[in-house]
C-alpha cells in the first residue's frame, strides 16, 4: 500500500467485473437529499465501496439527524 494525498490507498477489486476500484466522485442520496462524496468505485459497472467505518460512523449520524427532523 502507498499513501496518496494524505489518504491511505487501498486495493479493492470489483466482485462483478474483477477490476480494481478507483477513487471517484459519487452522489449518495437519502430522504430526498443528495451528498457528493469521494469513494472507491468500479469504473466499468459503477459499483461503489462504502467502508464499514463510514457506514457506521458519519453516514449513520447523518441518517439519524435527518430522521429526527
Foldseek 3Di string as FASTA:
>chain_A
DDDDPNHDDDWDADPVPRHTWDWDWDWDDDPHDIDIDIFTADPPPGRTDDDPCCVVPVVVVVVVVVVVD
